[in-house]
Amino acid sequence: MMQTEPIAKLVDALPQDGVTVRMLQGLDYIVPGQWQNLTGFDATIRKVTGVTDPVRVQAISKRASELYADTTQGYQRAVWLYTVVDKTDTALAAAALANKIGDRIGFLSFLNKLLPKADNVQSFDLGMKLVVEMLAYAQLNGLPRDGVAQFASSLKNYSGANLMRMAALVAVDGVLPLGPDFVDKVTAVFDSADAGQLESNAAYKQVSEMIPGSNSTERFAFIKQTFGSAKEYMGGIQKAHNLTPTAIVGKLKSGIEFADDKLDYAAAFLDATTSYFQHTGVQTVALYLIERAAKDVAAEVAKQEAEAARVKAEVEAKQKAAETARLQAETAAKQKSAEEARLKAEAEAAQKAAEAARLQAETEAKQKAAETARLQAEAEAKAAAEVAAQKAAEKRIYVVKSGDSLSKISLAIYGHANRWHEIHEANKDTIKDPNMIHPGQELIIP
């Protein structure tokens, strides 16, 4: 149900630029200096840990991937939670965009028509995102699902991608659609609403089984409790920066431009406005994994170094014991027959020294073989990962929208409408007539 792509692949797929990133950068003034758009899993490892040794980086990457794949941990469930609220929002926004096709789209009019929702719908959306944030926090920190108090207490310690996500939640899902007094509006909606209204929320349908409670009434009570525990914190963000819809739009306009007739770009903006939870959520989970994996790898390295030191000490102790025995033998021999005892002691010492040398040579050979096997395995894993990443990157998919044609898609992607036949050739198994494509159809872009 909650299985996701490997964490390295998810982080590698995070965009370095684009509307999502620009939106978050536009809102960075709310939490200045807190968020960095860390992309690329190995690059993130180096940034977070300060480790530059490629072998050590790969060891941390491997350990982090093992932790993420372990279904007894909460990392995959956290990513799934961050993703599901964005997917449900994207579906809602896409439906709204379908009604705008053919109209003139300007940034301000676009926001005014698209983003505001009925107070109760927007309030439930905001409440669900906050509950998902709490549930993901619980998964990442090994807390019970009803750990509202621990979650509320942790908010003051939020930083980095976590803090950026909460700032975007307040700005984009709170102030922008509901106004500066969004906390009061959501409170009023929750006080007058019943659980039946919650059941129409798309995100709730996806994650309801994870929300504490045996029915919608109990789960709605939990959602209200969660919102109540965090509303002072969210209201504080709004007041600290005097956030208003006009101010937020002004910041977003500085990084996002909408030109007439570029409906594909407007659709990209829709995706961005509903993907910041997933984008920053993947970064959050990656940070948790990398920090834990780095500690595990450091502990393993320390263990190996301790074992090597122990073996060395044993060898040295055996050598010292052999020398002591030789001296004792010489002393005893001198008391009886100096020459006879000396020859005997030398023979015994030579045998013991040979045994110690043999043991030491065997130990060094085993260590060298183990290191060679480990390096070879890591190199093979890295090569396989690079091949898989290259194959995944080479395949681009375009989802047909209403009003699209192969020439329009060619113009949008290549800048020339006359390359439509290349797209047709790449998809000839699914496109029988190049003039007949339909919305939702997935096309391979060569």
Protein backbone atom coordinates (compact mmCIF):
# COMPACT_ATOMS: atom_id res chain seq x y z
CA MET A 1 0.00 0.00 0.00
CA MET A 2 2.73 2.43 0.98
CA GLN A 3 5.70 1.14 -1.00
CA THR A 4 7.66 3.91 -2.73
CA GLU A 5 10.69 4.26 -4.96
CA PRO A 6 14.10 3.86 -3.24
CA ILE A 7 15.07 6.97 -1.28
CA ALA A 8 18.15 7.62 -3.43
CA LYS A 9 16.00 7.64 -6.55
CA LEU A 10 13.47 9.98 -4.94
CA VAL A 11 16.15 12.48 -3.90
CA ASP A 12 17.92 12.23 -7.26
CA ALA A 13 14.58 13.04 -8.94
CA LEU A 14 14.03 16.25 -6.95
CA PRO A 15 14.23 19.25 -9.32
CA GLN A 16 16.96 21.85 -8.92
CA ASP A 17 14.71 24.46 -10.50
CA GLY A 18 11.14 24.75 -11.63
CA VAL A 19 7.94 26.18 -10.28
CA THR A 20 7.95 24.16 -7.04
CA VAL A 21 11.46 25.29 -6.19
CA ARG A 22 10.75 28.89 -7.18
CA MET A 23 7.61 28.94 -5.08
CA LEU A 24 9.54 27.74 -2.03
CA GLN A 25 12.32 30.21 -2.76
CA GLY A 26 9.72 32.95 -3.02
CA LEU A 27 8.44 32.03 0.47
CA ASP A 28 11.93 31.69 1.94
CA TYR A 29 11.65 35.20 3.39
CA ILE A 30 9.32 33.75 6.03
CA VAL A 31 12.12 31.49 7.34
CA PRO A 32 15.28 33.09 5.90
CA GLY A 33 18.32 30.86 5.58
CA GLN A 34 16.53 27.75 6.86
CA TRP A 35 15.86 25.87 3.64
CA GLN A 36 18.31 24.63 1.04
CA ASN A 37 17.09 22.78 -2.03
CA LEU A 38 19.27 19.71 -1.51
CA THR A 39 19.06 17.39 -4.53
CA GLY A 40 21.04 14.33 -5.58
CA PHE A 41 21.41 11.68 -2.87
CA ASP A 42 25.23 11.50 -2.82
CA ALA A 43 25.49 15.30 -2.91
CA THR A 44 23.05 15.51 0.00
CA ILE A 45 25.15 13.00 1.97
CA ARG A 46 28.27 15.10 1.44
CA LYS A 47 26.44 18.29 2.40
CA VAL A 48 24.82 16.87 5.53
CA THR A 49 27.75 14.83 6.87
CA GLY A 50 30.77 16.66 5.50
CA VAL A 51 32.12 13.29 4.30
CA THR A 52 34.05 13.50 1.00
CA ASP A 53 35.57 10.02 0.78
CA PRO A 54 33.65 8.25 -2.04
CA VAL A 55 33.85 4.87 -0.30
CA ARG A 56 32.46 6.31 2.92
CA VAL A 57 29.73 8.18 0.99
CA GLN A 58 28.68 4.95 -0.71
CA ALA A 59 28.66 3.12 2.61
CA ILE A 60 26.32 5.74 4.06
CA SER A 61 24.15 5.61 0.93
CA LYS A 62 23.90 1.83 1.14
CA ARG A 63 23.01 1.89 4.83
CA ALA A 64 20.41 4.63 4.31
CA SER A 65 18.83 2.60 1.49
CA GLU A 66 18.70 -0.48 3.75
CA LEU A 67 16.98 1.50 6.50
CA TYR A 68 14.47 2.95 4.05
CA ALA A 69 13.67 -0.48 2.59
CA ASP A 70 13.04 -1.89 6.08
CA THR A 71 9.23 -1.90 6.34
CA THR A 72 9.39 -2.10 10.13
CA GLN A 73 10.72 1.45 10.08
CA GLY A 74 8.48 4.43 9.36
CA TYR A 75 10.46 6.10 6.58
CA GLN A 76 8.45 4.83 3.60
CA ARG A 77 5.17 5.54 5.37
CA ALA A 78 6.30 9.13 6.01
CA VAL A 79 7.12 9.68 2.32
CA TRP A 80 3.80 8.14 1.35
CA LEU A 81 1.97 10.52 3.68
CA TYR A 82 3.79 13.57 2.34
CA THR A 83 3.02 12.45 -1.21
CA VAL A 84 -0.64 11.53 -0.85
CA VAL A 85 -1.84 15.00 0.20
CA ASP A 86 -0.08 16.53 -2.80
CA LYS A 87 -1.60 14.00 -5.19
CA THR A 88 -5.12 14.69 -3.96
CA ASP A 89 -4.56 18.45 -4.23
CA THR A 90 -3.18 18.05 -7.75
CA ALA A 91 -6.32 16.24 -8.89
CA LEU A 92 -8.51 19.01 -7.49
CA ALA A 93 -6.42 21.75 -9.10
CA ALA A 94 -6.29 19.95 -12.46
CA ALA A 95 -10.08 19.85 -12.57
CA ALA A 96 -10.16 23.58 -11.94
CA LEU A 97 -7.61 24.22 -14.67
CA ALA A 98 -9.71 22.34 -17.23
CA ASN A 99 -12.34 25.06 -16.96
CA LYS A 100 -9.77 27.79 -17.64
CA ILE A 101 -8.49 26.55 -21.02
CA GLY A 102 -8.88 29.20 -23.71
CA ASP A 103 -9.05 32.07 -21.21
CA ARG A 104 -6.41 34.72 -20.76
CA ILE A 105 -4.30 33.70 -17.76
CA GLY A 106 -2.55 36.35 -15.70
CA PHE A 107 -0.89 35.59 -12.39
CA LEU A 108 -3.21 37.63 -10.17
CA SER A 109 -6.44 36.64 -11.89
CA PHE A 110 -5.27 33.03 -11.97
CA LEU A 111 -4.77 32.97 -8.21
CA ASN A 112 -7.98 34.84 -7.51
CA LYS A 113 -10.03 32.36 -9.55
CA LEU A 114 -8.24 29.14 -8.73
CA LEU A 115 -6.84 29.15 -5.21
CA PRO A 116 -9.70 30.45 -3.05
CA LYS A 117 -12.09 27.69 -2.05
CA ALA A 118 -15.13 27.62 0.17
CA ASP A 119 -13.95 28.18 3.74
CA ASN A 120 -15.04 24.74 4.90
CA VAL A 121 -13.32 22.88 2.03
CA GLN A 122 -10.10 24.84 2.48
CA SER A 123 -10.26 24.41 6.25
CA PHE A 124 -10.55 20.64 5.92
CA ASP A 125 -7.65 20.62 3.43
CA LEU A 126 -5.49 22.58 5.85
CA GLY A 127 -6.50 20.36 8.76
CA MET A 128 -5.68 17.21 6.82
CA LYS A 129 -2.24 18.49 5.81
CA LEU A 130 -1.48 19.34 9.43
CA VAL A 131 -2.57 15.87 10.57
CA VAL A 132 -0.44 14.28 7.84
CA GLU A 133 2.51 16.35 9.09
CA MET A 134 1.89 15.05 12.62
CA LEU A 135 1.54 11.44 11.45
CA ALA A 136 4.74 11.66 9.38
CA TYR A 137 6.59 13.17 12.35
CA ALA A 138 5.40 10.26 14.49
CA GLN A 139 6.60 7.73 11.89
CA LEU A 140 10.04 9.32 11.66
CA ASN A 141 10.52 9.59 15.41
CA GLY A 142 9.00 6.30 16.55
CA LEU A 143 6.08 7.99 18.33
CA PRO A 144 2.51 6.69 18.70
CA ARG A 145 0.03 7.98 16.13
CA ASP A 146 -1.82 9.94 18.80
CA GLY A 147 1.30 11.77 20.02
CA VAL A 148 -0.21 15.21 19.48
CA ALA A 149 1.49 16.74 22.53
CA GLN A 150 4.95 15.60 21.42
CA PHE A 151 4.29 16.90 17.91
CA ALA A 152 3.08 20.30 19.11
CA SER A 153 6.10 20.61 21.37
CA SER A 154 8.45 19.72 18.53
CA LEU A 155 7.20 22.51 16.25
CA LYS A 156 9.31 25.12 18.03
CA ASN A 157 12.38 23.06 17.13
CA TYR A 158 11.50 22.69 13.45
CA SER A 159 14.22 23.76 11.03
CA GLY A 160 15.35 23.22 7.45
CA ALA A 161 12.89 21.45 5.15
CA ASN A 162 10.47 20.88 8.07
CA LEU A 163 10.24 24.60 8.83
CA MET A 164 10.00 25.50 5.14
CA ARG A 165 7.08 23.09 4.75
CA MET A 166 5.21 24.64 7.70
CA ALA A 167 5.84 28.16 6.36
CA ALA A 168 4.42 27.13 2.98
CA LEU A 169 1.44 25.51 4.70
CA VAL A 170 0.64 28.74 6.54
CA ALA A 171 1.17 30.93 3.46
CA VAL A 172 -0.24 28.84 0.61
CA ASP A 173 -2.95 26.81 2.38
CA GLY A 174 -3.79 29.26 5.13
CA VAL A 175 -3.31 32.97 4.46
CA LEU A 176 -3.58 32.95 0.66
CA PRO A 177 -7.03 31.32 0.39
CA LEU A 178 -8.49 32.28 3.80
CA GLY A 179 -6.82 35.57 4.71
CA PRO A 180 -4.63 36.67 7.65
CA ASP A 181 -7.24 35.46 10.14
CA PHE A 182 -7.18 31.94 8.72
CA VAL A 183 -6.72 30.38 12.19
CA ASP A 184 -10.02 31.89 13.41
CA LYS A 185 -11.81 30.85 10.21
CA VAL A 186 -10.63 27.25 10.42
CA THR A 187 -11.54 27.13 14.10
CA ALA A 188 -15.04 28.42 13.32
CA VAL A 189 -15.50 25.88 10.53
CA PHE A 190 -14.38 23.01 12.74
CA ASP A 191 -16.67 24.15 15.56
CA SER A 192 -19.73 24.12 13.29
CA ALA A 193 -18.90 21.21 10.96
CA ASP A 194 -19.60 17.53 11.44
CA ALA A 195 -17.67 14.42 10.49
CA GLY A 196 -19.83 13.86 7.41
CA GLN A 197 -18.18 16.82 5.70
CA LEU A 198 -14.76 15.31 6.41
CA GLU A 199 -15.63 12.15 4.48
CA SER A 200 -15.75 14.06 1.19
CA ASN A 201 -12.12 15.18 1.57
CA ALA A 202 -9.90 13.30 -0.89
CA ALA A 203 -6.88 13.19 1.41
CA TYR A 204 -8.99 11.83 4.25
CA LYS A 205 -10.15 8.97 2.07
CA GLN A 206 -6.52 8.01 1.50
CA VAL A 207 -5.14 8.25 5.04
CA SER A 208 -8.19 7.76 7.27
CA GLU A 209 -7.00 4.33 8.47
CA MET A 210 -3.84 5.94 9.87
CA ILE A 211 -5.72 8.60 11.85
CA PRO A 212 -6.48 7.52 15.45
CA GLY A 213 -10.15 6.68 15.96
CA SER A 214 -12.55 3.93 15.00
CA ASN A 215 -14.89 6.11 12.93
CA SER A 216 -15.08 9.49 11.20
CA THR A 217 -16.48 11.23 14.28
CA GLU A 218 -13.54 10.16 16.44
CA ARG A 219 -11.04 10.94 13.70
CA PHE A 220 -12.56 14.39 13.17
CA ALA A 221 -12.15 15.02 16.89
CA PHE A 222 -8.49 14.04 16.56
CA ILE A 223 -8.02 16.40 13.58
CA LYS A 224 -9.52 19.27 15.61
CA GLN A 225 -7.27 18.39 18.53
CA THR A 226 -4.21 18.43 16.29
CA PHE A 227 -5.17 21.79 14.78
CA GLY A 228 -5.86 23.22 18.22
CA SER A 229 -2.41 22.18 19.42
CA ALA A 230 -0.68 23.92 16.48
CA LYS A 231 -2.86 26.94 15.75
CA GLU A 232 -0.91 29.26 18.04
CA TYR A 233 2.30 28.24 16.28
CA MET A 234 0.80 28.79 12.80
CA GLY A 235 -0.80 32.06 13.80
CA GLY A 236 2.58 33.17 15.16
CA ILE A 237 4.17 32.66 11.73
CA GLN A 238 1.48 34.84 10.14
CA LYS A 239 1.82 37.60 12.73
CA ALA A 240 5.63 37.59 12.79
CA HIS A 241 5.76 38.43 9.07
CA ASN A 242 2.40 40.20 8.70
CA LEU A 243 1.47 37.72 5.98
CA THR A 244 -1.33 38.79 3.66
CA PRO A 245 -2.53 37.40 0.31
CA THR A 246 -1.19 40.48 -1.49
CA ALA A 247 2.25 40.19 0.11
CA ILE A 248 2.49 36.46 -0.64
CA VAL A 249 1.43 36.94 -4.28
CA GLY A 250 4.02 39.68 -4.65
CA LYS A 251 6.77 37.36 -3.45
CA LEU A 252 5.63 34.53 -5.72
CA LYS A 253 5.46 36.82 -8.76
CA SER A 254 9.13 37.67 -8.35
CA GLY A 255 10.07 34.12 -9.29
CA ILE A 256 7.11 32.79 -11.30
CA GLU A 257 5.92 34.41 -14.51
CA PHE A 258 2.86 33.51 -16.57
CA ALA A 259 2.77 34.49 -20.23
CA ASP A 260 -0.39 34.61 -22.36
CA ASP A 261 -1.40 31.35 -24.06
CA LYS A 262 1.22 29.27 -22.24
CA LEU A 263 -1.29 26.88 -20.73
CA ASP A 264 1.30 24.13 -20.28
CA TYR A 265 3.32 26.43 -18.06
CA ALA A 266 0.18 27.31 -16.11
CA ALA A 267 -0.41 23.59 -15.58
CA ALA A 268 3.14 23.28 -14.32
CA PHE A 269 2.35 25.99 -11.80
CA LEU A 270 -0.63 23.96 -10.64
CA ASP A 271 1.63 20.98 -10.03
CA ALA A 272 4.02 23.20 -8.10
CA THR A 273 1.35 24.61 -5.82
CA THR A 274 0.45 21.11 -4.75
CA SER A 275 3.88 19.43 -4.55
CA TYR A 276 5.76 21.31 -1.85
CA PHE A 277 4.72 18.75 0.79
CA GLN A 278 6.26 15.92 -1.21
CA HIS A 279 9.33 17.93 -2.25
CA THR A 280 10.29 19.04 1.26
CA GLY A 281 9.00 15.79 2.77
CA VAL A 282 11.44 13.70 0.71
CA GLN A 283 14.22 16.06 1.82
CA THR A 284 13.15 15.64 5.45
CA VAL A 285 13.14 11.83 5.28
CA ALA A 286 16.48 11.82 3.46
CA LEU A 287 18.00 13.94 6.25
CA TYR A 288 16.73 11.55 8.94
CA LEU A 289 18.10 8.56 7.03
CA ILE A 290 21.48 10.09 6.24
CA GLU A 291 22.11 11.20 9.82
CA ARG A 292 21.19 7.76 11.15
CA ALA A 293 23.14 5.91 8.45
CA ALA A 294 26.23 8.07 9.06
CA LYS A 295 26.16 7.12 12.74
CA ASP A 296 25.76 3.43 11.89
CA VAL A 297 28.63 3.52 9.40
CA ALA A 298 30.86 5.39 11.86
CA ALA A 299 30.07 2.78 14.51
CA GLU A 300 30.88 -0.05 12.09
CA VAL A 301 34.16 1.60 11.08
CA ALA A 302 35.07 2.06 14.75
CA LYS A 303 34.24 -1.60 15.37
CA GLN A 304 36.47 -2.71 12.51
CA GLU A 305 39.30 -0.48 13.71
CA ALA A 306 38.92 -1.84 17.25
CA GLU A 307 39.06 -5.40 15.94
CA ALA A 308 42.18 -4.63 13.93
CA ALA A 309 43.79 -3.09 17.01
CA ARG A 310 42.83 -6.14 19.07
CA VAL A 311 44.40 -8.54 16.59
CA LYS A 312 47.53 -6.42 16.46
CA ALA A 313 47.75 -6.37 20.25
CA GLU A 314 47.34 -10.13 20.38
CA VAL A 315 50.15 -10.63 17.89
CA GLU A 316 52.39 -8.26 19.80
CA ALA A 317 51.51 -10.00 23.08
CA LYS A 318 52.37 -13.38 21.58
CA GLN A 319 55.66 -12.02 20.30
CA LYS A 320 56.43 -10.55 23.71
CA ALA A 321 55.48 -13.78 25.44
CA ALA A 322 57.71 -15.71 23.07
CA GLU A 323 60.61 -13.42 23.87
CA THR A 324 59.99 -13.73 27.59
CA ALA A 325 59.89 -17.51 27.33
CA ARG A 326 63.13 -17.48 25.42
CA LEU A 327 64.86 -15.41 28.06
CA GLN A 328 63.50 -17.62 30.82
CA ALA A 329 64.72 -20.69 28.96
CA GLU A 330 68.16 -19.17 28.55
CA THR A 331 68.34 -18.40 32.27
CA ALA A 332 67.32 -21.94 33.18
CA ALA A 333 69.79 -23.37 30.72
CA LYS A 334 72.64 -21.37 32.17
CA GLN A 335 71.92 -22.86 35.59
CA LYS A 336 72.36 -26.35 34.19
CA SER A 337 74.17 -26.35 30.93
CA ALA A 338 74.53 -22.92 29.36
CA GLU A 339 75.18 -24.11 25.83
CA GLU A 340 72.54 -26.85 25.81
CA ALA A 341 69.87 -24.56 27.27
CA ARG A 342 70.71 -21.75 24.83
CA LEU A 343 70.35 -23.96 21.78
CA LYS A 344 67.05 -25.38 23.06
CA ALA A 345 65.66 -21.94 23.85
CA GLU A 346 66.61 -20.61 20.43
CA ALA A 347 64.85 -23.52 18.74
CA GLU A 348 61.67 -22.93 20.76
CA ALA A 349 61.80 -19.20 20.15
CA ALA A 350 62.21 -19.76 16.42
CA GLN A 351 59.17 -22.06 16.34
CA LYS A 352 57.02 -19.59 18.27
CA ALA A 353 58.14 -16.67 16.14
CA ALA A 354 57.30 -18.64 13.00
CA GLU A 355 53.83 -19.44 14.37
CA ALA A 356 53.24 -15.79 15.28
CA ALA A 357 54.36 -14.70 11.81
CA ARG A 358 52.07 -17.26 10.23
CA LEU A 359 49.09 -16.11 12.29
CA GLN A 360 49.83 -12.50 11.49
CA ALA A 361 50.15 -13.26 7.77
CA GLU A 362 46.85 -15.16 7.81
CA THR A 363 45.13 -12.26 9.59
CA GLU A 364 46.47 -9.70 7.14
CA ALA A 365 45.49 -11.88 4.17
CA LYS A 366 41.92 -12.27 5.48
CA GLN A 367 41.63 -8.53 6.09
CA LYS A 368 42.95 -7.75 2.62
CA ALA A 369 40.58 -10.26 0.98
CA ALA A 370 37.60 -8.89 2.91
CA GLU A 371 38.46 -5.31 1.97
CA THR A 372 38.92 -6.27 -1.69
CA ALA A 373 35.54 -8.06 -1.71
CA ARG A 374 33.83 -5.10 -0.03
CA LEU A 375 35.27 -2.55 -2.47
CA GLN A 376 34.34 -4.77 -5.43
CA ALA A 377 30.75 -5.16 -4.16
CA GLU A 378 30.41 -1.41 -3.64
CA ALA A 379 31.78 -0.67 -7.11
CA GLU A 380 29.36 -3.17 -8.69
CA ALA A 381 26.42 -1.69 -6.73
CA LYS A 382 27.40 1.83 -7.74
CA ALA A 383 27.73 0.85 -11.41
CA ALA A 384 24.33 -0.88 -11.33
CA ALA A 385 22.73 2.16 -9.71
CA GLU A 386 24.25 4.48 -12.30
CA VAL A 387 23.00 2.30 -15.16
CA ALA A 388 19.50 2.19 -13.61
CA ALA A 389 19.50 5.95 -13.06
CA GLN A 390 20.68 6.57 -16.64
CA LYS A 391 17.96 4.31 -18.05
CA ALA A 392 15.30 6.01 -15.93
CA ALA A 393 16.52 9.47 -16.94
CA GLU A 394 16.51 8.60 -20.65
CA LYS A 395 12.78 7.93 -20.65
CA ARG A 396 10.53 10.96 -20.55
CA ILE A 397 6.76 10.69 -20.32
CA TYR A 398 4.26 13.35 -21.37
CA VAL A 399 0.60 13.13 -20.33
CA VAL A 400 -1.76 14.48 -23.01
CA LYS A 401 -4.07 17.30 -21.93
CA SER A 402 -7.28 18.54 -23.45
CA GLY A 403 -6.61 20.53 -26.60
CA ASP A 404 -3.20 18.96 -27.23
CA SER A 405 -1.98 17.76 -30.61
CA LEU A 406 1.32 16.19 -31.60
CA SER A 407 2.44 19.44 -33.21
CA LYS A 408 1.54 21.44 -30.09
CA ILE A 409 3.41 19.01 -27.89
CA SER A 410 6.41 19.15 -30.27
CA LEU A 411 6.37 22.95 -30.09
CA ALA A 412 6.18 22.94 -26.29
CA ILE A 413 8.97 20.42 -25.82
CA TYR A 414 11.36 21.03 -28.74
CA GLY A 415 10.47 24.58 -29.70
CA HIS A 416 9.45 23.40 -33.21
CA ALA A 417 6.07 22.03 -34.24
CA ASN A 418 7.55 20.07 -37.16
CA ARG A 419 9.12 17.39 -34.89
CA TRP A 420 5.71 15.91 -34.17
CA HIS A 421 6.52 12.92 -36.39
CA GLU A 422 9.38 11.93 -34.01
CA ILE A 423 6.88 11.71 -31.14
CA HIS A 424 4.50 9.74 -33.36
CA GLU A 425 7.27 7.32 -34.34
CA ALA A 426 8.23 6.75 -30.67
CA ASN A 427 4.60 5.97 -29.81
CA LYS A 428 3.39 4.22 -32.97
CA ASP A 429 2.34 1.20 -30.94
CA THR A 430 -0.28 3.30 -29.12
CA ILE A 431 -1.02 6.04 -31.70
CA LYS A 432 -2.62 4.61 -34.79
CA ASP A 433 -3.70 7.98 -36.17
CA PRO A 434 -1.39 10.95 -35.42
CA ASN A 435 -4.41 13.22 -35.50
CA MET A 436 -6.21 11.21 -32.83
CA ILE A 437 -4.77 11.54 -29.33
CA HIS A 438 -6.78 11.89 -26.15
CA PRO A 439 -6.35 13.52 -22.73
CA GLY A 440 -4.63 11.34 -20.14
CA GLN A 441 -2.73 9.36 -22.78
CA GLU A 442 0.94 8.84 -21.80
CA LEU A 443 3.45 9.53 -24.60
CA ILE A 444 7.13 8.65 -24.67
CA ILE A 445 9.14 11.75 -25.59
CA PRO A 446 12.24 10.75 -27.58
